[in-house]
């Protein structure tokens, strides 16, 4: 009889809803908005900004999607392989048209990046969600939003809903200058763009920007980006600056070098 501990099981995520591509729009040379829609989006709702949805892609060479089965801690296909799933911020949902917009980074090499670059109206996909979003503290005296390219959709969404009279600072790392795009939605939110230096690792410029940022004792902080760099930022905020866990939300959206069936934000 084995004494090995049983694998930890996770609560089953929301069901997948079949959708099709309704529209594709290039926001920048590195960011594409794919609008998905379909009758199965009836009842879908996003209650908090900077939430997440899972995007299920067709298997390689297949025109349709096969809905996977939840196996306790991951989604598996009928043959036992891992489903091709990526996680994104639901940039905008139109309940009248039953349409969901996802902004996808075209960085090359990723499954979702390749899919978005070739997406056309009528293409099949499926979505599950939403996952947890960001609970805004209406009493925060100021906000700091920081992230890399994969966080641009969430930052744009947050700027639309943060209190308009509250100061907001935004720090964004991009791999190339052409990834920059104008943010709207907040009257007092200066944005500082940080180009990743040649030879630098993803997140290096973002880590430096957060380290140099002025963060008052009660400033609410939201950070998202590459997992290893975000972990460095987490240690800086909580261990070096002494921020409380309630004051700062820090999320790893993707892992450098991770591919295959990984569920990574941004492709």
Protein backbone atom coordinates (compact mmCIF):
# COMPACT_ATOMS: atom_id res chain seq x y z
CA UNK A 1 0.00 0.00 0.00
CA UNK A 2 1.49 3.33 -1.04
CA UNK A 3 1.93 6.12 1.49
CA UNK A 4 2.30 8.74 -1.26
CA UNK A 5 -0.03 11.70 -0.76
CA UNK A 6 -2.99 11.98 -3.10
CA UNK A 7 -2.66 14.66 -5.80
CA UNK A 8 -4.25 17.92 -4.72
CA UNK A 9 -7.51 18.60 -6.54
CA UNK A 10 -8.75 22.05 -7.48
CA UNK A 11 -12.28 23.29 -7.78
CA UNK A 12 -13.57 22.81 -11.30
CA UNK A 13 -13.51 26.08 -13.29
CA UNK A 14 -16.63 27.41 -15.04
CA UNK A 15 -17.74 25.42 -18.07
CA UNK A 16 -16.41 26.16 -21.53
CA UNK A 17 -18.73 28.05 -23.87
CA UNK A 18 -18.36 27.54 -27.61
CA UNK A 19 -17.77 30.75 -29.54
CA UNK A 20 -16.58 31.91 -32.92
CA UNK A 21 -14.41 34.80 -34.02
CA UNK A 22 -16.57 37.79 -34.91
CA UNK A 23 -13.86 40.37 -35.64
CA UNK A 24 -10.08 40.89 -35.57
CA UNK A 25 -8.49 44.32 -35.08
CA UNK A 26 -4.81 45.27 -34.88
CA UNK A 27 -4.38 47.72 -31.98
CA UNK A 28 -0.59 47.94 -32.42
CA UNK A 29 1.88 45.82 -34.42
CA UNK A 30 2.20 43.69 -31.26
CA UNK A 31 -1.36 43.65 -29.89
CA UNK A 32 -4.46 42.28 -31.63
CA UNK A 33 -8.06 42.43 -30.42
CA UNK A 34 -10.04 39.30 -31.19
CA UNK A 35 -13.80 39.60 -30.61
CA UNK A 36 -15.56 36.32 -29.88
CA UNK A 37 -19.27 35.68 -29.74
CA UNK A 38 -22.02 33.11 -29.80
CA UNK A 39 -25.30 32.02 -28.26
CA UNK A 40 -23.52 30.16 -25.46
CA UNK A 41 -22.30 33.50 -24.04
CA UNK A 42 -25.82 34.07 -22.72
CA UNK A 43 -25.55 34.56 -18.94
CA UNK A 44 -21.83 35.40 -19.02
CA UNK A 45 -20.92 38.40 -16.86
CA UNK A 46 -17.76 40.13 -15.65
CA UNK A 47 -18.27 41.75 -12.25
CA UNK A 48 -14.73 43.02 -11.53
CA UNK A 49 -12.01 44.67 -13.64
CA UNK A 50 -8.77 42.83 -14.44
CA UNK A 51 -10.54 39.48 -14.25
CA UNK A 52 -9.53 36.46 -16.34
CA UNK A 53 -10.99 34.01 -18.84
CA UNK A 54 -9.60 30.80 -20.25
CA UNK A 55 -9.39 30.60 -24.03
CA UNK A 56 -9.54 27.08 -25.47
CA UNK A 57 -7.93 26.79 -28.91
CA UNK A 58 -8.54 24.13 -31.55
CA UNK A 59 -6.00 21.32 -31.62
CA UNK A 60 -3.33 21.71 -34.30
CA UNK A 61 -4.79 21.20 -37.76
CA UNK A 62 -8.37 20.90 -36.49
CA UNK A 63 -11.02 23.45 -37.56
CA UNK A 64 -13.24 22.90 -34.51
CA UNK A 65 -12.66 22.71 -30.77
CA UNK A 66 -13.09 19.62 -28.63
CA UNK A 67 -14.26 20.46 -25.12
CA UNK A 68 -11.86 18.87 -22.59
CA UNK A 69 -12.71 17.16 -19.31
CA UNK A 70 -11.66 18.51 -15.91
CA UNK A 71 -9.34 15.91 -14.34
CA UNK A 72 -9.03 17.35 -10.84
CA UNK A 73 -6.28 19.90 -11.47
CA UNK A 74 -6.12 20.34 -15.25
CA UNK A 75 -8.19 20.00 -18.42
CA UNK A 76 -7.47 16.88 -20.47
CA UNK A 77 -8.47 15.92 -23.99
CA UNK A 78 -10.12 12.55 -24.76
CA UNK A 79 -6.70 11.05 -25.61
CA UNK A 80 -5.26 12.17 -22.26
CA UNK A 81 -3.22 15.09 -23.63
CA UNK A 82 -3.41 18.56 -22.13
CA UNK A 83 -5.81 20.99 -23.75
CA UNK A 84 -4.32 24.08 -25.44
CA UNK A 85 -5.56 26.81 -23.10
CA UNK A 86 -4.38 30.34 -22.45
CA UNK A 87 -5.62 32.90 -19.93
CA UNK A 88 -6.52 36.48 -20.83
CA UNK A 89 -8.15 39.59 -19.42
CA UNK A 90 -11.70 39.95 -20.76
CA UNK A 91 -11.16 43.45 -22.14
CA UNK A 92 -14.81 44.13 -22.85
CA UNK A 93 -18.05 42.14 -22.84
CA UNK A 94 -21.20 43.24 -24.65
CA UNK A 95 -24.16 41.36 -23.11
CA UNK A 96 -26.50 42.59 -25.83
CA UNK A 97 -24.39 41.29 -28.71
CA UNK A 98 -23.03 38.37 -26.61
CA UNK A 99 -19.52 39.38 -27.66
CA UNK A 100 -16.27 39.20 -25.69
CA UNK A 101 -13.14 41.13 -26.71
CA UNK A 102 -9.69 39.72 -25.88
CA UNK A 103 -6.45 41.66 -26.52
CA UNK A 104 -3.66 39.22 -27.41
CA UNK A 105 0.07 39.98 -27.57
CA UNK A 106 1.73 38.89 -30.83
CA UNK A 107 5.14 37.94 -29.52
CA UNK A 108 5.80 35.00 -31.83
CA UNK A 109 6.16 31.37 -30.85
CA UNK A 110 3.14 31.07 -28.57
CA UNK A 111 0.02 29.06 -29.40
CA UNK A 112 -2.40 31.92 -28.77
CA UNK A 113 -0.12 34.43 -30.48
CA UNK A 114 -0.02 32.28 -33.63
CA UNK A 115 -3.77 31.69 -33.46
CA UNK A 116 -4.58 35.39 -33.08
CA UNK A 117 -2.24 36.35 -35.93
CA UNK A 118 -4.13 34.03 -38.28
CA UNK A 119 -7.64 34.41 -36.80
CA UNK A 120 -10.53 35.19 -39.13
CA UNK A 121 -14.27 35.59 -38.66
CA UNK A 122 -15.95 32.22 -38.24
CA UNK A 123 -12.97 30.50 -36.60
CA UNK A 124 -13.96 28.31 -33.65
CA UNK A 125 -12.81 28.61 -30.03
CA UNK A 126 -14.26 28.29 -26.53
CA UNK A 127 -14.02 30.37 -23.36
CA UNK A 128 -14.41 29.64 -19.65
CA UNK A 129 -14.77 32.13 -16.85
CA UNK A 130 -14.59 34.68 -15.57
CA UNK A 131 -11.98 34.21 -12.87
CA UNK A 132 -11.26 36.61 -10.02
CA UNK A 133 -10.74 40.27 -10.74
CA UNK A 134 -9.42 43.23 -8.75
CA UNK A 135 -11.46 44.56 -5.85
CA UNK A 136 -10.91 48.33 -5.94
CA UNK A 137 -10.45 50.08 -2.60
CA UNK A 138 -12.55 53.25 -2.97
CA UNK A 139 -10.78 54.81 0.02
CA UNK A 140 -7.23 54.41 -1.33
CA UNK A 141 -5.52 57.83 -1.57
CA UNK A 142 -3.56 56.81 -4.69
CA UNK A 143 -2.97 53.89 -7.05
CA UNK A 144 0.11 52.47 -8.75
CA UNK A 145 -0.51 50.21 -11.77
CA UNK A 146 2.50 48.39 -13.23
CA UNK A 147 2.88 45.61 -15.77
CA UNK A 148 4.39 44.37 -19.00
CA UNK A 149 2.70 44.05 -22.41
CA UNK A 150 0.43 41.24 -21.25
CA UNK A 151 -0.95 43.55 -18.56
CA UNK A 152 -1.89 46.36 -20.97
CA UNK A 153 -5.51 45.15 -21.39
CA UNK A 154 -6.05 44.95 -17.63
CA UNK A 155 -4.40 48.32 -17.01
CA UNK A 156 -6.61 49.90 -19.66
CA UNK A 157 -9.66 48.39 -18.01
CA UNK A 158 -8.62 49.56 -14.54
CA UNK A 159 -8.08 53.11 -15.74
CA UNK A 160 -11.69 53.17 -16.92
CA UNK A 161 -13.10 52.31 -13.49
CA UNK A 162 -10.71 53.74 -10.88
CA UNK A 163 -12.07 56.79 -9.00
CA UNK A 164 -11.52 59.77 -11.35
CA UNK A 165 -10.41 62.10 -8.55
CA UNK A 166 -7.79 59.71 -7.15
CA UNK A 167 -4.18 60.06 -8.40
CA UNK A 168 -2.98 57.10 -10.46
CA UNK A 169 0.51 56.33 -11.77
CA UNK A 170 1.15 53.78 -14.51
CA UNK A 171 4.44 52.01 -15.30
CA UNK A 172 4.54 49.71 -18.35
CA UNK A 173 7.40 47.64 -19.76
CA UNK A 174 7.33 46.89 -23.49
CA UNK A 175 9.63 44.71 -25.58
CA UNK A 176 9.50 47.19 -28.48
CA UNK A 177 8.45 50.85 -28.83
CA UNK A 178 5.69 49.96 -31.29
CA UNK A 179 3.87 48.16 -28.46
CA UNK A 180 2.91 51.49 -26.90
CA UNK A 181 -0.67 52.63 -27.29
CA UNK A 182 -2.67 55.50 -25.79
CA UNK A 183 -4.60 54.82 -22.60
CA UNK A 184 -7.82 56.63 -21.87
CA UNK A 185 -10.41 56.49 -19.19
CA UNK A 186 -8.72 58.39 -16.35
CA UNK A 187 -8.05 62.15 -16.21
CA UNK A 188 -5.04 62.05 -13.85
CA UNK A 189 -3.02 58.99 -14.83
CA UNK A 190 0.43 59.71 -16.26
CA UNK A 191 1.90 56.70 -18.06
CA UNK A 192 5.63 55.96 -18.14
CA UNK A 193 6.75 53.49 -20.79
CA UNK A 194 9.90 51.44 -20.21
CA UNK A 195 11.58 49.78 -23.18
CA UNK A 196 13.22 46.46 -22.37
CA UNK A 197 16.98 47.05 -22.87
CA UNK A 198 18.85 44.95 -25.41
CA UNK A 199 19.91 41.71 -23.79
CA UNK A 200 17.67 42.30 -20.79
CA UNK A 201 15.39 39.62 -19.39
CA UNK A 202 11.63 40.17 -19.52
CA UNK A 203 10.62 42.09 -16.42
CA UNK A 204 13.97 43.73 -15.67
CA UNK A 205 12.72 47.20 -16.63
CA UNK A 206 9.47 46.67 -14.74
CA UNK A 207 11.26 45.59 -11.57
CA UNK A 208 13.47 48.68 -11.76
CA UNK A 209 10.46 50.94 -12.30
CA UNK A 210 8.62 49.60 -9.25
CA UNK A 211 11.74 49.84 -7.12
CA UNK A 212 12.12 53.50 -8.06
CA UNK A 213 8.45 54.38 -7.66
CA UNK A 214 7.27 56.54 -4.79
CA UNK A 215 4.75 54.46 -2.87
CA UNK A 216 3.09 56.08 0.11
CA UNK A 217 2.00 54.05 3.11
CA UNK A 218 -1.59 53.69 1.89
CA UNK A 219 -1.09 53.61 -1.90
CA UNK A 220 -2.94 50.70 -3.52
CA UNK A 221 -0.64 48.74 -5.84
CA UNK A 222 -1.56 46.44 -8.74
CA UNK A 223 1.22 44.63 -10.65
CA UNK A 224 1.16 41.88 -13.28
CA UNK A 225 3.66 40.40 -15.71
CA UNK A 226 6.25 37.65 -16.17
CA UNK A 227 6.20 35.30 -13.18
CA UNK A 228 9.87 35.44 -12.16
CA UNK A 229 10.04 39.23 -12.34
CA UNK A 230 6.73 39.56 -10.51
CA UNK A 231 8.12 37.37 -7.73
CA UNK A 232 11.02 39.81 -7.38
CA UNK A 233 8.53 42.68 -7.19
CA UNK A 234 6.46 40.78 -4.60
CA UNK A 235 9.51 40.39 -2.35
CA UNK A 236 10.40 44.04 -2.80
CA UNK A 237 6.91 45.29 -1.90
CA UNK A 238 6.18 42.96 1.00
CA UNK A 239 9.62 42.31 2.50
CA UNK A 240 11.62 45.44 1.71
CA UNK A 241 8.89 48.08 1.72
CA UNK A 242 6.68 46.34 4.25
CA UNK A 243 3.41 46.75 2.36
CA UNK A 244 0.45 44.79 3.65
CA UNK A 245 -1.03 41.93 1.62
CA UNK A 246 -4.30 43.85 1.36
CA UNK A 247 -2.51 46.88 -0.07
CA UNK A 248 -0.85 45.20 -3.05
CA UNK A 249 -2.11 42.75 -5.68
CA UNK A 250 0.75 41.07 -7.57
CA UNK A 251 0.04 38.50 -10.28
CA UNK A 252 2.20 36.37 -12.54
CA UNK A 253 0.61 36.33 -15.99
CA UNK A 254 3.12 34.15 -17.83
CA UNK A 255 6.38 32.23 -17.42
CA UNK A 256 9.41 32.78 -19.59
CA UNK A 257 10.22 29.67 -21.63
CA UNK A 258 6.95 27.95 -20.81
CA UNK A 259 4.93 26.66 -23.76
CA UNK A 260 2.82 23.71 -24.80
CA UNK A 261 -0.33 23.32 -22.77
CA UNK A 262 0.49 26.00 -20.25
CA UNK A 263 -2.26 28.41 -19.30
CA UNK A 264 -0.38 31.67 -19.67
CA UNK A 265 -1.74 35.16 -20.07
CA UNK A 266 -0.85 36.79 -23.34
CA UNK A 267 -0.21 33.77 -25.55
